PDB file of N, CA and C in Angstrom:
ATOM      1  N   MET A   1     -81.945 -29.506 -21.715  1.00  0.00           N
ATOM      2  CA  MET A   1     -81.566 -30.902 -21.874  1.00  0.00           C
ATOM      3  C   MET A   1     -80.092 -31.053 -21.480  1.00  0.00           C
ATOM      4  N   ARG A   2     -79.796 -32.099 -20.765  1.00  0.00           N
ATOM      5  CA  ARG A   2     -78.421 -32.340 -20.345  1.00  0.00           C
ATOM      6  C   ARG A   2     -77.585 -32.819 -21.521  1.00  0.00           C
ATOM      7  N   VAL A   3     -76.306 -32.549 -21.469  1.00  0.00           N
ATOM      8  CA  VAL A   3     -75.393 -32.870 -22.567  1.00  0.00           C
ATOM      9  C   VAL A   3     -75.068 -34.365 -22.632  1.00  0.00           C
ATOM     10  N   LEU A   4     -74.872 -35.000 -21.500  1.00  0.00           N
ATOM     11  CA  LEU A   4     -74.445 -36.402 -21.481  1.00  0.00           C
ATOM     12  C   LEU A   4     -75.364 -37.332 -22.273  1.00  0.00           C
ATOM     13  N   PRO A   5     -76.681 -37.275 -22.080  1.00  0.00           N
ATOM     14  CA  PRO A   5     -77.539 -38.158 -22.875  1.00  0.00           C
ATOM     15  C   PRO A   5     -77.464 -37.873 -24.374  1.00  0.00           C
ATOM     16  N   VAL A   6     -77.258 -36.636 -24.734  1.00  0.00           N
ATOM     17  CA  VAL A   6     -77.230 -36.267 -26.143  1.00  0.00           C
ATOM     18  C   VAL A   6     -75.957 -36.755 -26.834  1.00  0.00           C
ATOM     19  N   VAL A   7     -74.835 -36.697 -26.146  1.00  0.00           N
ATOM     20  CA  VAL A   7     -73.563 -37.051 -26.777  1.00  0.00           C
ATOM     21  C   VAL A   7     -73.112 -38.484 -26.535  1.00  0.00           C
ATOM     22  N   SER A   8     -73.695 -39.163 -25.566  1.00  0.00           N
ATOM     23  CA  SER A   8     -73.192 -40.484 -25.187  1.00  0.00           C
ATOM     24  C   SER A   8     -73.242 -41.501 -26.330  1.00  0.00           C
ATOM     25  N   ILE A   9     -74.350 -41.579 -27.032  1.00  0.00           N
ATOM     26  CA  ILE A   9     -74.483 -42.578 -28.093  1.00  0.00           C
ATOM     27  C   ILE A   9     -73.580 -42.255 -29.280  1.00  0.00           C
ATOM     28  N   PRO A  10     -73.573 -41.014 -29.806  1.00  0.00           N
ATOM     29  CA  PRO A  10     -72.664 -40.735 -30.923  1.00  0.00           C
ATOM     30  C   PRO A  10     -71.180 -40.891 -30.561  1.00  0.00           C
ATOM     31  N   VAL A  11     -70.804 -40.455 -29.373  1.00  0.00           N
ATOM     32  CA  VAL A  11     -69.400 -40.586 -28.963  1.00  0.00           C
ATOM     33  C   VAL A  11     -69.013 -42.059 -28.862  1.00  0.00           C
ATOM     34  N   TYR A  12     -69.885 -42.873 -28.255  1.00  0.00           N
ATOM     35  CA  TYR A  12     -69.600 -44.302 -28.164  1.00  0.00           C
ATOM     36  C   TYR A  12     -69.518 -44.921 -29.556  1.00  0.00           C
ATOM     37  N   GLY A  13     -70.419 -44.524 -30.442  1.00  0.00           N
ATOM     38  CA  GLY A  13     -70.398 -45.049 -31.808  1.00  0.00           C
ATOM     39  C   GLY A  13     -69.082 -44.761 -32.504  1.00  0.00           C
ATOM     40  N   VAL A  14     -68.588 -43.554 -32.372  1.00  0.00           N
ATOM     41  CA  VAL A  14     -67.301 -43.184 -32.980  1.00  0.00           C
ATOM     42  C   VAL A  14     -66.165 -44.000 -32.368  1.00  0.00           C
ATOM     43  N   LEU A  15     -66.139 -44.110 -31.053  1.00  0.00           N
ATOM     44  CA  LEU A  15     -65.100 -44.904 -30.390  1.00  0.00           C
ATOM     45  C   LEU A  15     -65.168 -46.368 -30.803  1.00  0.00           C
ATOM     46  N   TYR A  16     -66.378 -46.890 -30.909  1.00  0.00           N
ATOM     47  CA  TYR A  16     -66.582 -48.290 -31.301  1.00  0.00           C
ATOM     48  C   TYR A  16     -66.039 -48.534 -32.709  1.00  0.00           C
ATOM     49  N   VAL A  17     -66.411 -47.671 -33.644  1.00  0.00           N
ATOM     50  CA  VAL A  17     -65.943 -47.824 -35.029  1.00  0.00           C
ATOM     51  C   VAL A  17     -64.427 -47.672 -35.085  1.00  0.00           C
ATOM     52  N   TRP A  18     -63.892 -46.707 -34.353  1.00  0.00           N
ATOM     53  CA  TRP A  18     -62.443 -46.497 -34.336  1.00  0.00           C
ATOM     54  C   TRP A  18     -61.712 -47.738 -33.837  1.00  0.00           C
ATOM     55  N   ARG A  19     -62.201 -48.330 -32.751  1.00  0.00           N
ATOM     56  CA  ARG A  19     -61.548 -49.527 -32.193  1.00  0.00           C
ATOM     57  C   ARG A  19     -61.738 -50.749 -33.077  1.00  0.00           C
ATOM     58  N   ALA A  20     -62.879 -50.840 -33.756  1.00  0.00           N
ATOM     59  CA  ALA A  20     -63.180 -52.025 -34.565  1.00  0.00           C
ATOM     60  C   ALA A  20     -62.549 -51.969 -35.959  1.00  0.00           C
ATOM     61  N   THR A  21     -62.149 -50.795 -36.410  1.00  0.00           N
ATOM     62  CA  THR A  21     -61.582 -50.648 -37.743  1.00  0.00           C
ATOM     63  C   THR A  21     -60.260 -51.398 -37.833  1.00  0.00           C
ATOM     64  N   GLY A  22     -60.183 -52.267 -38.822  1.00  0.00           N
ATOM     65  CA  GLY A  22     -58.955 -53.003 -39.062  1.00  0.00           C
ATOM     66  C   GLY A  22     -58.730 -54.168 -38.123  1.00  0.00           C
ATOM     67  N   ARG A  23     -59.702 -54.494 -37.309  1.00  0.00           N
ATOM     68  CA  ARG A  23     -59.569 -55.612 -36.384  1.00  0.00           C
ATOM     69  C   ARG A  23     -60.642 -56.646 -36.689  1.00  0.00           C
ATOM     70  N   GLU A  24     -60.333 -57.866 -36.364  1.00  0.00           N
ATOM     71  CA  GLU A  24     -61.346 -58.900 -36.476  1.00  0.00           C
ATOM     72  C   GLU A  24     -62.300 -58.732 -35.295  1.00  0.00           C
ATOM     73  N   PHE A  25     -63.560 -58.566 -35.598  1.00  0.00           N
ATOM     74  CA  PHE A  25     -64.525 -58.253 -34.556  1.00  0.00           C
ATOM     75  C   PHE A  25     -65.815 -59.009 -34.827  1.00  0.00           C
ATOM     76  N   PRO A  26     -66.421 -59.579 -33.817  1.00  0.00           N
ATOM     77  CA  PRO A  26     -67.675 -60.320 -34.026  1.00  0.00           C
ATOM     78  C   PRO A  26     -68.745 -59.427 -34.657  1.00  0.00           C
ATOM     79  N   ILE A  27     -69.267 -59.857 -35.786  1.00  0.00           N
ATOM     80  CA  ILE A  27     -70.243 -59.070 -36.536  1.00  0.00           C
ATOM     81  C   ILE A  27     -71.552 -58.867 -35.777  1.00  0.00           C
ATOM     82  N   GLY A  28     -71.879 -59.756 -34.870  1.00  0.00           N
ATOM     83  CA  GLY A  28     -73.156 -59.690 -34.173  1.00  0.00           C
ATOM     84  C   GLY A  28     -73.256 -58.656 -33.075  1.00  0.00           C
ATOM     85  N   VAL A  29     -72.154 -58.061 -32.671  1.00  0.00           N
ATOM     86  CA  VAL A  29     -72.179 -57.119 -31.539  1.00  0.00           C
ATOM     87  C   VAL A  29     -73.096 -55.922 -31.803  1.00  0.00           C
ATOM     88  N   PRO A  30     -73.011 -55.255 -32.953  1.00  0.00           N
ATOM     89  CA  PRO A  30     -73.940 -54.133 -33.179  1.00  0.00           C
ATOM     90  C   PRO A  30     -75.412 -54.575 -33.179  1.00  0.00           C
ATOM     91  N   TYR A  31     -75.677 -55.776 -33.696  1.00  0.00           N
ATOM     92  CA  TYR A  31     -77.049 -56.286 -33.684  1.00  0.00           C
ATOM     93  C   TYR A  31     -77.521 -56.536 -32.255  1.00  0.00           C
ATOM     94  N   LEU A  32     -76.618 -57.055 -31.425  1.00  0.00           N
ATOM     95  CA  LEU A  32     -76.952 -57.295 -30.028  1.00  0.00           C
ATOM     96  C   LEU A  32     -77.310 -55.984 -29.333  1.00  0.00           C
ATOM     97  N   TYR A  33     -76.513 -54.940 -29.591  1.00  0.00           N
ATOM     98  CA  TYR A  33     -76.820 -53.623 -29.031  1.00  0.00           C
ATOM     99  C   TYR A  33     -78.191 -53.151 -29.497  1.00  0.00           C
ATOM    100  N   GLY A  34     -78.493 -53.340 -30.768  1.00  0.00           N
ATOM    101  CA  GLY A  34     -79.782 -52.914 -31.307  1.00  0.00           C
ATOM    102  C   GLY A  34     -80.948 -53.631 -30.663  1.00  0.00           C
ATOM    103  N   VAL A  35     -80.854 -54.953 -30.576  1.00  0.00           N
ATOM    104  CA  VAL A  35     -81.944 -55.748 -29.987  1.00  0.00           C
ATOM    105  C   VAL A  35     -82.130 -55.393 -28.514  1.00  0.00           C
ATOM    106  N   LEU A  36     -81.029 -55.327 -27.774  1.00  0.00           N
ATOM    107  CA  LEU A  36     -81.137 -55.009 -26.346  1.00  0.00           C
ATOM    108  C   LEU A  36     -81.618 -53.578 -26.118  1.00  0.00           C
ATOM    109  N   SER A  37     -81.252 -52.672 -27.011  1.00  0.00           N
ATOM    110  CA  SER A  37     -81.720 -51.278 -26.885  1.00  0.00           C
ATOM    111  C   SER A  37     -83.221 -51.181 -27.098  1.00  0.00           C
ATOM    112  N   ILE A  38     -83.728 -51.894 -28.100  1.00  0.00           N
ATOM    113  CA  ILE A  38     -85.171 -51.910 -28.343  1.00  0.00           C
ATOM    114  C   ILE A  38     -85.889 -52.540 -27.152  1.00  0.00           C
ATOM    115  N   LEU A  39     -85.326 -53.630 -26.652  1.00  0.00           N
ATOM    116  CA  LEU A  39     -85.906 -54.288 -25.483  1.00  0.00           C
ATOM    117  C   LEU A  39     -85.953 -53.341 -24.290  1.00  0.00           C
ATOM    118  N   LEU A  40     -84.842 -52.668 -24.011  1.00  0.00           N
ATOM    119  CA  LEU A  40     -84.805 -51.788 -22.839  1.00  0.00           C
ATOM    120  C   LEU A  40     -85.754 -50.606 -23.004  1.00  0.00           C
ATOM    121  N   PHE A  41     -85.860 -50.054 -24.203  1.00  0.00           N
ATOM    122  CA  PHE A  41     -86.813 -48.975 -24.430  1.00  0.00           C
ATOM    123  C   PHE A  41     -88.224 -49.464 -24.097  1.00  0.00           C
ATOM    124  N   ALA A  42     -88.572 -50.659 -24.568  1.00  0.00           N
ATOM    125  CA  ALA A  42     -89.898 -51.225 -24.299  1.00  0.00           C
ATOM    126  C   ALA A  42     -90.106 -51.459 -22.809  1.00  0.00           C
ATOM    127  N   VAL A  43     -89.083 -51.931 -22.120  1.00  0.00           N
ATOM    128  CA  VAL A  43     -89.193 -52.184 -20.678  1.00  0.00           C
ATOM    129  C   VAL A  43     -89.395 -50.866 -19.926  1.00  0.00           C
ATOM    130  N   TYR A  44     -88.692 -49.813 -20.333  1.00  0.00           N
ATOM    131  CA  TYR A  44     -88.901 -48.497 -19.725  1.00  0.00           C
ATOM    132  C   TYR A  44     -90.345 -48.042 -19.946  1.00  0.00           C
ATOM    133  N   ALA A  45     -90.869 -48.250 -21.149  1.00  0.00           N
ATOM    134  CA  ALA A  45     -92.242 -47.838 -21.452  1.00  0.00           C
ATOM    135  C   ALA A  45     -93.247 -48.591 -20.584  1.00  0.00           C
ATOM    136  N   VAL A  46     -93.031 -49.887 -20.410  1.00  0.00           N
ATOM    137  CA  VAL A  46     -93.917 -50.689 -19.559  1.00  0.00           C
ATOM    138  C   VAL A  46     -93.827 -50.200 -18.120  1.00  0.00           C
ATOM    139  N   ASP A  47     -92.624 -49.917 -17.649  1.00  0.00           N
ATOM    140  CA  ASP A  47     -92.444 -49.449 -16.274  1.00  0.00           C
ATOM    141  C   ASP A  47     -93.085 -48.077 -16.076  1.00  0.00           C
ATOM    142  N   LYS A  48     -92.950 -47.199 -17.054  1.00  0.00           N
ATOM    143  CA  LYS A  48     -93.568 -45.862 -16.969  1.00  0.00           C
ATOM    144  C   LYS A  48     -95.086 -45.992 -16.896  1.00  0.00           C
ATOM    145  N   SER A  49     -95.631 -46.861 -17.731  1.00  0.00           N
ATOM    146  CA  SER A  49     -97.081 -47.085 -17.727  1.00  0.00           C
ATOM    147  C   SER A  49     -97.541 -47.658 -16.381  1.00  0.00           C
ATOM    148  N   ALA A  50     -96.784 -48.596 -15.852  1.00  0.00           N
ATOM    149  CA  ALA A  50     -97.127 -49.192 -14.556  1.00  0.00           C
ATOM    150  C   ALA A  50     -97.042 -48.146 -13.439  1.00  0.00           C
ATOM    151  N   ALA A  51     -96.051 -47.271 -13.515  1.00  0.00           N
ATOM    152  CA  ALA A  51     -95.905 -46.227 -12.499  1.00  0.00           C
ATOM    153  C   ALA A  51     -97.110 -45.290 -12.512  1.00  0.00           C
ATOM    154  N   ARG A  52     -97.551 -44.922 -13.692  1.00  0.00           N
ATOM    155  CA  ARG A  52     -98.706 -44.021 -13.800  1.00  0.00           C
ATOM    156  C   ARG A  52     -99.993 -44.672 -13.302  1.00  0.00           C
ATOM    157  N   ALA A  53    -100.123 -45.981 -13.546  1.00  0.00           N
ATOM    158  CA  ALA A  53    -101.354 -46.694 -13.179  1.00  0.00           C
ATOM    159  C   ALA A  53    -101.308 -47.270 -11.770  1.00  0.00           C
ATOM    160  N   GLY A  54    -100.166 -47.148 -11.100  1.00  0.00           N
ATOM    161  CA  GLY A  54    -100.040 -47.675  -9.748  1.00  0.00           C
ATOM    162  C   GLY A  54     -99.944 -49.198  -9.708  1.00  0.00           C
ATOM    163  N   ARG A  55     -99.472 -49.789 -10.791  1.00  0.00           N
ATOM    164  CA  ARG A  55     -99.336 -51.249 -10.865  1.00  0.00           C
ATOM    165  C   ARG A  55     -97.917 -51.671 -10.493  1.00  0.00           C
ATOM    166  N   TRP A  56     -97.706 -53.001 -10.545  1.00  0.00           N
ATOM    167  CA  TRP A  56     -96.406 -53.603 -10.267  1.00  0.00           C
ATOM    168  C   TRP A  56     -95.359 -53.007 -11.190  1.00  0.00           C
ATOM    169  N   ARG A  57     -94.207 -52.670 -10.622  1.00  0.00           N
ATOM    170  CA  ARG A  57     -93.135 -52.011 -11.369  1.00  0.00           C
ATOM    171  C   ARG A  57     -92.025 -52.990 -11.688  1.00  0.00           C
ATOM    172  N   ILE A  58     -91.259 -52.662 -12.685  1.00  0.00           N
ATOM    173  CA  ILE A  58     -90.071 -53.428 -13.045  1.00  0.00           C
ATOM    174  C   ILE A  58     -88.939 -52.923 -12.161  1.00  0.00           C
ATOM    175  N   SER A  59     -88.169 -53.847 -11.606  1.00  0.00           N
ATOM    176  CA  SER A  59     -87.124 -53.442 -10.660  1.00  0.00           C
ATOM    177  C   SER A  59     -86.023 -52.656 -11.371  1.00  0.00           C
ATOM    178  N   GLU A  60     -85.458 -51.711 -10.639  1.00  0.00           N
ATOM    179  CA  GLU A  60     -84.335 -50.933 -11.173  1.00  0.00           C
ATOM    180  C   GLU A  60     -83.171 -51.850 -11.498  1.00  0.00           C
ATOM    181  N   ARG A  61     -83.016 -52.876 -10.723  1.00  0.00           N
ATOM    182  CA  ARG A  61     -81.943 -53.842 -10.956  1.00  0.00           C
ATOM    183  C   ARG A  61     -82.058 -54.460 -12.356  1.00  0.00           C
ATOM    184  N   ASN A  62     -83.276 -54.813 -12.758  1.00  0.00           N
ATOM    185  CA  ASN A  62     -83.473 -55.384 -14.094  1.00  0.00           C
ATOM    186  C   ASN A  62     -83.215 -54.352 -15.189  1.00  0.00           C
ATOM    187  N   LEU A  63     -83.637 -53.118 -14.968  1.00  0.00           N
ATOM    188  CA  LEU A  63     -83.359 -52.055 -15.942  1.00  0.00           C
ATOM    189  C   LEU A  63     -81.847 -51.874 -16.113  1.00  0.00           C
ATOM    190  N   LEU A  64     -81.151 -51.853 -14.993  1.00  0.00           N
ATOM    191  CA  LEU A  64     -79.700 -51.659 -15.039  1.00  0.00           C
ATOM    192  C   LEU A  64     -78.991 -52.854 -15.673  1.00  0.00           C
ATOM    193  N   LEU A  65     -79.464 -54.055 -15.405  1.00  0.00           N
ATOM    194  CA  LEU A  65     -78.847 -55.252 -15.968  1.00  0.00           C
ATOM    195  C   LEU A  65     -78.954 -55.280 -17.494  1.00  0.00           C
ATOM    196  N   ILE A  66     -80.132 -54.973 -18.012  1.00  0.00           N
ATOM    197  CA  ILE A  66     -80.301 -54.948 -19.474  1.00  0.00           C
ATOM    198  C   ILE A  66     -79.406 -53.868 -20.081  1.00  0.00           C
ATOM    199  N   GLY A  67     -79.305 -52.740 -19.416  1.00  0.00           N
ATOM    200  CA  GLY A  67     -78.410 -51.681 -19.882  1.00  0.00           C
ATOM    201  C   GLY A  67     -76.959 -52.110 -19.859  1.00  0.00           C
ATOM    202  N   LEU A  68     -76.560 -52.765 -18.805  1.00  0.00           N
ATOM    203  CA  LEU A  68     -75.182 -53.237 -18.669  1.00  0.00           C
ATOM    204  C   LEU A  68     -74.816 -54.239 -19.763  1.00  0.00           C
ATOM    205  N   LEU A  69     -75.772 -55.066 -20.138  1.00  0.00           N
ATOM    206  CA  LEU A  69     -75.523 -56.076 -21.169  1.00  0.00           C
ATOM    207  C   LEU A  69     -75.407 -55.479 -22.573  1.00  0.00           C
ATOM    208  N   GLY A  70     -75.782 -54.214 -22.726  1.00  0.00           N
ATOM    209  CA  GLY A  70     -75.643 -53.561 -24.031  1.00  0.00           C
ATOM    210  C   GLY A  70     -76.864 -52.779 -24.469  1.00  0.00           C
ATOM    211  N   GLY A  71     -77.906 -52.763 -23.670  1.00  0.00           N
ATOM    212  CA  GLY A  71     -79.113 -52.043 -24.049  1.00  0.00           C
ATOM    213  C   GLY A  71     -79.135 -50.586 -23.620  1.00  0.00           C
ATOM    214  N   TRP A  72     -78.025 -50.105 -23.076  1.00  0.00           N
ATOM    215  CA  TRP A  72     -78.009 -48.747 -22.538  1.00  0.00           C
ATOM    216  C   TRP A  72     -78.378 -47.655 -23.547  1.00  0.00           C
ATOM    217  N   PRO A  73     -78.045 -47.796 -24.858  1.00  0.00           N
ATOM    218  CA  PRO A  73     -78.496 -46.732 -25.773  1.00  0.00           C
ATOM    219  C   PRO A  73     -80.026 -46.594 -25.770  1.00  0.00           C
ATOM    220  N   GLY A  74     -80.727 -47.708 -25.712  1.00  0.00           N
ATOM    221  CA  GLY A  74     -82.186 -47.658 -25.628  1.00  0.00           C
ATOM    222  C   GLY A  74     -82.653 -47.032 -24.329  1.00  0.00           C
ATOM    223  N   GLY A  75     -81.898 -47.261 -23.256  1.00  0.00           N
ATOM    224  CA  GLY A  75     -82.217 -46.640 -21.975  1.00  0.00           C
ATOM    225  C   GLY A  75     -82.038 -45.131 -22.022  1.00  0.00           C
ATOM    226  N   VAL A  76     -80.969 -44.686 -22.666  1.00  0.00           N
ATOM    227  CA  VAL A  76     -80.732 -43.237 -22.801  1.00  0.00           C
ATOM    228  C   VAL A  76     -81.882 -42.603 -23.573  1.00  0.00           C
ATOM    229  N   ILE A  77     -82.253 -43.221 -24.684  1.00  0.00           N
ATOM    230  CA  ILE A  77     -83.332 -42.678 -25.509  1.00  0.00           C
ATOM    231  C   ILE A  77     -84.659 -42.717 -24.751  1.00  0.00           C
ATOM    232  N   ALA A  78     -84.933 -43.829 -24.083  1.00  0.00           N
ATOM    233  CA  ALA A  78     -86.185 -43.952 -23.329  1.00  0.00           C
ATOM    234  C   ALA A  78     -86.273 -42.907 -22.225  1.00  0.00           C
ATOM    235  N   GLN A  79     -85.187 -42.669 -21.536  1.00  0.00           N
ATOM    236  CA  GLN A  79     -85.209 -41.674 -20.466  1.00  0.00           C
ATOM    237  C   GLN A  79     -85.565 -40.296 -21.016  1.00  0.00           C
ATOM    238  N   GLN A  80     -85.045 -39.963 -22.184  1.00  0.00           N
ATOM    239  CA  GLN A  80     -85.303 -38.647 -22.754  1.00  0.00           C
ATOM    240  C   GLN A  80     -86.697 -38.547 -23.373  1.00  0.00           C
ATOM    241  N   VAL A  81     -87.099 -39.575 -24.108  1.00  0.00           N
ATOM    242  CA  VAL A  81     -88.401 -39.552 -24.785  1.00  0.00           C
ATOM    243  C   VAL A  81     -89.554 -39.714 -23.803  1.00  0.00           C
ATOM    244  N   LEU A  82     -89.418 -40.669 -22.891  1.00  0.00           N
ATOM    245  CA  LEU A  82     -90.500 -40.972 -21.953  1.00  0.00           C
ATOM    246  C   LEU A  82     -90.422 -40.144 -20.673  1.00  0.00           C
ATOM    247  N   ARG A  83     -89.300 -39.453 -20.473  1.00  0.00           N
ATOM    248  CA  ARG A  83     -89.055 -38.706 -19.239  1.00  0.00           C
ATOM    249  C   ARG A  83     -89.249 -39.620 -18.031  1.00  0.00           C
ATOM    250  N   HIS A  84     -88.583 -40.755 -18.077  1.00  0.00           N
ATOM    251  CA  HIS A  84     -88.716 -41.754 -17.026  1.00  0.00           C
ATOM    252  C   HIS A  84     -87.352 -42.041 -16.415  1.00  0.00           C
ATOM    253  N   LYS A  85     -87.298 -42.080 -15.107  1.00  0.00           N
ATOM    254  CA  LYS A  85     -86.081 -42.370 -14.341  1.00  0.00           C
ATOM    255  C   LYS A  85     -85.023 -41.279 -14.498  1.00  0.00           C
ATOM    256  N   THR A  86     -85.443 -40.064 -14.769  1.00  0.00           N
ATOM    257  CA  THR A  86     -84.476 -38.985 -14.954  1.00  0.00           C
ATOM    258  C   THR A  86     -84.263 -38.156 -13.694  1.00  0.00           C
ATOM    259  N   ARG A  87     -85.159 -38.227 -12.752  1.00  0.00           N
ATOM    260  CA  ARG A  87     -85.045 -37.406 -11.538  1.00  0.00           C
ATOM    261  C   ARG A  87     -84.358 -38.111 -10.386  1.00  0.00           C
ATOM    262  N   LYS A  88     -84.425 -39.413 -10.362  1.00  0.00           N
ATOM    263  CA  LYS A  88     -83.872 -40.169  -9.236  1.00  0.00           C
ATOM    264  C   LYS A  88     -82.343 -40.240  -9.380  1.00  0.00           C
ATOM    265  N   ARG A  89     -81.664 -39.465  -8.566  1.00  0.00           N
ATOM    266  CA  ARG A  89     -80.203 -39.340  -8.655  1.00  0.00           C
ATOM    267  C   ARG A  89     -79.478 -40.680  -8.472  1.00  0.00           C
ATOM    268  N   SER A  90     -79.925 -41.478  -7.511  1.00  0.00           N
ATOM    269  CA  SER A  90     -79.241 -42.745  -7.254  1.00  0.00           C
ATOM    270  C   SER A  90     -79.337 -43.666  -8.476  1.00  0.00           C
ATOM    271  N   PHE A  91     -80.477 -43.656  -9.144  1.00  0.00           N
ATOM    272  CA  PHE A  91     -80.611 -44.468 -10.352  1.00  0.00           C
ATOM    273  C   PHE A  91     -79.736 -43.912 -11.463  1.00  0.00           C
ATOM    274  N   GLN A  92     -79.699 -42.611 -11.619  1.00  0.00           N
ATOM    275  CA  GLN A  92     -78.884 -42.009 -12.670  1.00  0.00           C
ATOM    276  C   GLN A  92     -77.396 -42.334 -12.476  1.00  0.00           C
ATOM    277  N   TRP A  93     -76.921 -42.274 -11.246  1.00  0.00           N
ATOM    278  CA  TRP A  93     -75.520 -42.626 -10.982  1.00  0.00           C
ATOM    279  C   TRP A  93     -75.268 -44.087 -11.343  1.00  0.00           C
ATOM    280  N   ALA A  94     -76.164 -44.966 -10.933  1.00  0.00           N
ATOM    281  CA  ALA A  94     -76.009 -46.394 -11.235  1.00  0.00           C
ATOM    282  C   ALA A  94     -76.111 -46.642 -12.738  1.00  0.00           C
ATOM    283  N   PHE A  95     -77.042 -45.964 -13.399  1.00  0.00           N
ATOM    284  CA  PHE A  95     -77.215 -46.138 -14.842  1.00  0.00           C
ATOM    285  C   PHE A  95     -75.943 -45.748 -15.591  1.00  0.00           C
ATOM    286  N   TRP A  96     -75.422 -44.563 -15.302  1.00  0.00           N
ATOM    287  CA  TRP A  96     -74.229 -44.104 -16.021  1.00  0.00           C
ATOM    288  C   TRP A  96     -72.998 -44.933 -15.654  1.00  0.00           C
ATOM    289  N   ALA A  97     -72.963 -45.490 -14.464  1.00  0.00           N
ATOM    290  CA  ALA A  97     -71.876 -46.415 -14.113  1.00  0.00           C
ATOM    291  C   ALA A  97     -71.949 -47.671 -14.976  1.00  0.00           C
ATOM    292  N   THR A  98     -73.168 -48.163 -15.249  1.00  0.00           N
ATOM    293  CA  THR A  98     -73.295 -49.344 -16.109  1.00  0.00           C
ATOM    294  C   THR A  98     -72.929 -49.005 -17.552  1.00  0.00           C
ATOM    295  N   VAL A  99     -73.226 -47.789 -17.987  1.00  0.00           N
ATOM    296  CA  VAL A  99     -72.839 -47.361 -19.341  1.00  0.00           C
ATOM    297  C   VAL A  99     -71.315 -47.364 -19.462  1.00  0.00           C
ATOM    298  N   VAL A 100     -70.647 -46.771 -18.495  1.00  0.00           N
ATOM    299  CA  VAL A 100     -69.178 -46.717 -18.514  1.00  0.00           C
ATOM    300  C   VAL A 100     -68.600 -48.128 -18.449  1.00  0.00           C
ATOM    301  N   ALA A 101     -69.144 -48.974 -17.592  1.00  0.00           N
ATOM    302  CA  ALA A 101     -68.656 -50.345 -17.465  1.00  0.00           C
ATOM    303  C   ALA A 101     -68.831 -51.105 -18.777  1.00  0.00           C
ATOM    304  N   ASN A 102     -70.001 -51.011 -19.393  1.00  0.00           N
ATOM    305  CA  ASN A 102     -70.242 -51.705 -20.663  1.00  0.00           C
ATOM    306  C   ASN A 102     -69.307 -51.194 -21.743  1.00  0.00           C
ATOM    307  N   ALA A 103     -69.203 -49.890 -21.867  1.00  0.00           N
ATOM    308  CA  ALA A 103     -68.362 -49.296 -22.902  1.00  0.00           C
ATOM    309  C   ALA A 103     -66.893 -49.700 -22.690  1.00  0.00           C
ATOM    310  N   ALA A 104     -66.434 -49.648 -21.462  1.00  0.00           N
ATOM    311  CA  ALA A 104     -65.040 -49.996 -21.174  1.00  0.00           C
ATOM    312  C   ALA A 104     -64.751 -51.451 -21.541  1.00  0.00           C
ATOM    313  N   VAL A 105     -65.621 -52.354 -21.146  1.00  0.00           N
ATOM    314  CA  VAL A 105     -65.403 -53.781 -21.446  1.00  0.00           C
ATOM    315  C   VAL A 105     -65.381 -54.002 -22.951  1.00  0.00           C
ATOM    316  N   VAL A 106     -66.370 -53.470 -23.655  1.00  0.00           N
ATOM    317  CA  VAL A 106     -66.434 -53.698 -25.105  1.00  0.00           C
ATOM    318  C   VAL A 106     -65.240 -53.045 -25.813  1.00  0.00           C
ATOM    319  N   LEU A 107     -64.911 -51.818 -25.453  1.00  0.00           N
ATOM    320  CA  LEU A 107     -63.812 -51.138 -26.130  1.00  0.00           C
ATOM    321  C   LEU A 107     -62.456 -51.771 -25.799  1.00  0.00           C
ATOM    322  N   ILE A 108     -62.306 -52.323 -24.626  1.00  0.00           N
ATOM    323  CA  ILE A 108     -61.053 -53.004 -24.268  1.00  0.00           C
ATOM    324  C   ILE A 108     -60.954 -54.345 -24.995  1.00  0.00           C
ATOM    325  N   LEU A 109     -62.063 -55.053 -25.107  1.00  0.00           N
ATOM    326  CA  LEU A 109     -62.044 -56.360 -25.753  1.00  0.00           C
ATOM    327  C   LEU A 109     -61.918 -56.287 -27.269  1.00  0.00           C
ATOM    328  N   VAL A 110     -62.293 -55.155 -27.851  1.00  0.00           N
ATOM    329  CA  VAL A 110     -62.232 -55.053 -29.317  1.00  0.00           C
ATOM    330  C   VAL A 110     -60.789 -55.064 -29.769  1.00  0.00           C
TER     331      VAL A 110
END
């Protein structure tokens, strides 16, 4: 198992709490991450099922957009649990770029 997926969520959580401690911060942000993560996990599952059955697929652009908006923790978990979208290098580069972009924006704005 690769290290990045395993450490990304806990490391971000620690950084998030560190930046938010002692600052006025919108209470809904963690809930937004939770809802979007559950949504993205479900979307990955639907896409994996469609891939196996040869049906219409969900675009990578939509997967990346939901991740960029804050659902990336669900994407990390879905990739590991469902073993979906883990081999395609171009998608992995784009996915981790959206993780870094989301984390940077949120941590800078906090």
